[in-house]
């Protein structure tokens, strides 16, 4: 079934998805109609509805349209996009829960006429501390195994860390999906995923060559902590990712 711009706007039942919004998405190449009727109406099918849903999830996460367009380039697998969005929304929910808890404690102290503990007043606001907490287990392992302090050697730039985490999750979901689908390490889809991932890492300022990436990927199956982390997502993922990166580097370099 196909829908017109007005029908899509009515169907979504969301105040910020107006006819004007859909025209703008078309203009910037974010959401294109699948065809145009003889009367000149832009028509959208199920595939476009699914893309619109993905756009709206990203908008709920306050992503700018240009960033959303970049994330959806190449029509990535819908399941990997939705999985990444779910993790991001759950992280936001956790942060909002912390803020609500802080607010409840603040209200309670005010009602009792008590001064709130200064260390509790700002829980939920400091996302830098949240990143440090999230990295505690990995950092402890790296210190014990390699005498390397991740937190001491990493500048916590919250926006950059968030972008890197989003991209890493999107990429690894794609690689895991390729593995489950039985694709070979030199399949054009797998190589496309790796190429796009390296390109985005470079755009984020990491400055990494194909050979550098293959070297880094080789670390994962050799290291217990990181191998188990990937294997928990998909059996064989650490080895598949590593050999695919090696094959890609050998072919492109």
Foldseek 3Di string as FASTA:
>chain_A
DKDFLCRLQVVVPDPVSHSVNVVVCCVVVQQAAPDADPVGTGIHDPVSSLSVVLVVLVVVVVDDSVVSSLLCPPNADSVLSVVLSVVSVVVVVVLVVLVVVLVVVVVVCVVVVHDDDPVSNQRSPDVLVVVVVVCVVVQVCCCVPVVDRPVVPDDCPPVLVVVLVSLVSSLLSRLQVCVVVVHALQDPSNLVSVVSSVVVCVVSPVDADLVRVLVVLVVQVVDDVNVVVSVVVPNPSSVSSNVSSVVSRVVPD
